[in-house]
């Protein structure tokens, strides 16, 4: 089963602990993620029906 989600957790390896961070505004499936300039970005993906519009490529960012 494949599901699309909008939540995000952050892992701290020093504490061996997961904590919740800000949710994405929309659910996404197959999202690419990257860190740049101290931010975690979620880009692209699908809503489960069709690919994300390229004009809305960045769907979420979080200061790490």
C-alpha atoms as a PDB file:
ATOM      1  CA  UNK A   1       0.000   0.000   0.000  1.00  0.00           C
ATOM      2  CA  UNK A   2       1.322   3.444  -0.948  1.00  0.00           C
ATOM      3  CA  UNK A   3      -0.029   6.488   0.865  1.00  0.00           C
ATOM      4  CA  UNK A   4       0.588  10.192   0.477  1.00  0.00           C
ATOM      5  CA  UNK A   5       1.274  12.160   3.644  1.00  0.00           C
ATOM      6  CA  UNK A   6       1.699  15.738   4.821  1.00  0.00           C
ATOM      7  CA  UNK A   7       3.445  15.170   8.169  1.00  0.00           C
ATOM      8  CA  UNK A   8       7.142  15.329   8.893  1.00  0.00           C
ATOM      9  CA  UNK A   9       9.339  14.195  11.776  1.00  0.00           C
ATOM     10  CA  UNK A  10      12.943  15.156  12.535  1.00  0.00           C
ATOM     11  CA  UNK A  11      15.467  12.624  13.820  1.00  0.00           C
ATOM     12  CA  UNK A  12      18.213  13.659  16.266  1.00  0.00           C
ATOM     13  CA  UNK A  13      20.935  10.977  16.178  1.00  0.00           C
ATOM     14  CA  UNK A  14      22.601  12.332  19.331  1.00  0.00           C
ATOM     15  CA  UNK A  15      19.399  11.838  21.336  1.00  0.00           C
ATOM     16  CA  UNK A  16      18.185   8.875  19.250  1.00  0.00           C
ATOM     17  CA  UNK A  17      14.799  10.621  19.186  1.00  0.00           C
ATOM     18  CA  UNK A  18      12.161  11.632  16.608  1.00  0.00           C
ATOM     19  CA  UNK A  19      10.195  14.878  17.028  1.00  0.00           C
ATOM     20  CA  UNK A  20       7.342  16.337  14.965  1.00  0.00           C
ATOM     21  CA  UNK A  21       7.986  19.468  12.893  1.00  0.00           C
ATOM     22  CA  UNK A  22       5.669  21.667  10.810  1.00  0.00           C
ATOM     23  CA  UNK A  23       3.443  19.746   8.392  1.00  0.00           C
ATOM     24  CA  UNK A  24       3.415  20.336   4.658  1.00  0.00           C
ATOM     25  CA  UNK A  25       0.414  22.296   3.379  1.00  0.00           C
ATOM     26  CA  UNK A  26      -0.684  19.446   1.090  1.00  0.00           C
ATOM     27  CA  UNK A  27      -0.237  15.686   1.047  1.00  0.00           C
ATOM     28  CA  UNK A  28       2.454  14.420  -1.319  1.00  0.00           C
ATOM     29  CA  UNK A  29       3.624  11.085  -2.688  1.00  0.00           C
ATOM     30  CA  UNK A  30       7.104  10.491  -4.130  1.00  0.00           C
ATOM     31  CA  UNK A  31       8.508  13.800  -2.926  1.00  0.00           C
ATOM     32  CA  UNK A  32      12.193  14.607  -3.344  1.00  0.00           C
ATOM     33  CA  UNK A  33      13.952  16.178  -0.359  1.00  0.00           C
ATOM     34  CA  UNK A  34      17.192  18.124   0.014  1.00  0.00           C
ATOM     35  CA  UNK A  35      19.014  20.340   2.504  1.00  0.00           C
ATOM     36  CA  UNK A  36      20.285  23.717   1.323  1.00  0.00           C
ATOM     37  CA  UNK A  37      21.350  26.697   3.418  1.00  0.00           C
ATOM     38  CA  UNK A  38      20.075  25.179   6.658  1.00  0.00           C
ATOM     39  CA  UNK A  39      16.602  24.399   5.264  1.00  0.00           C
ATOM     40  CA  UNK A  40      15.028  21.056   4.425  1.00  0.00           C
ATOM     41  CA  UNK A  41      13.015  21.321   1.188  1.00  0.00           C
ATOM     42  CA  UNK A  42      10.362  18.944  -0.159  1.00  0.00           C
ATOM     43  CA  UNK A  43       9.934  19.306  -3.928  1.00  0.00           C
ATOM     44  CA  UNK A  44       7.887  17.740  -6.684  1.00  0.00           C
ATOM     45  CA  UNK A  45       5.936  14.553  -6.244  1.00  0.00           C
ATOM     46  CA  UNK A  46       2.294  13.766  -6.821  1.00  0.00           C
ATOM     47  CA  UNK A  47      -1.003  14.210  -5.033  1.00  0.00           C
ATOM     48  CA  UNK A  48      -1.699  10.527  -5.756  1.00  0.00           C
ATOM     49  CA  UNK A  49      -3.621  11.309  -8.940  1.00  0.00           C
ATOM     50  CA  UNK A  50      -1.334  13.508 -11.028  1.00  0.00           C
ATOM     51  CA  UNK A  51       2.184  14.996 -10.868  1.00  0.00           C
ATOM     52  CA  UNK A  52       2.680  18.253  -8.982  1.00  0.00           C
ATOM     53  CA  UNK A  53       2.487  21.332 -11.203  1.00  0.00           C
ATOM     54  CA  UNK A  54       6.075  22.472 -11.867  1.00  0.00           C
ATOM     55  CA  UNK A  55       5.018  26.042 -11.019  1.00  0.00           C
ATOM     56  CA  UNK A  56       4.485  24.797  -7.468  1.00  0.00           C
ATOM     57  CA  UNK A  57       7.633  22.677  -7.215  1.00  0.00           C
ATOM     58  CA  UNK A  58       8.614  23.603  -3.655  1.00  0.00           C
ATOM     59  CA  UNK A  59       5.783  22.420  -1.431  1.00  0.00           C
ATOM     60  CA  UNK A  60       7.426  22.712   1.954  1.00  0.00           C
ATOM     61  CA  UNK A  61      10.564  23.984   3.703  1.00  0.00           C
ATOM     62  CA  UNK A  62      11.716  23.785   7.299  1.00  0.00           C
ATOM     63  CA  UNK A  63      14.632  25.550   9.024  1.00  0.00           C
ATOM     64  CA  UNK A  64      16.926  22.899  10.527  1.00  0.00           C
END
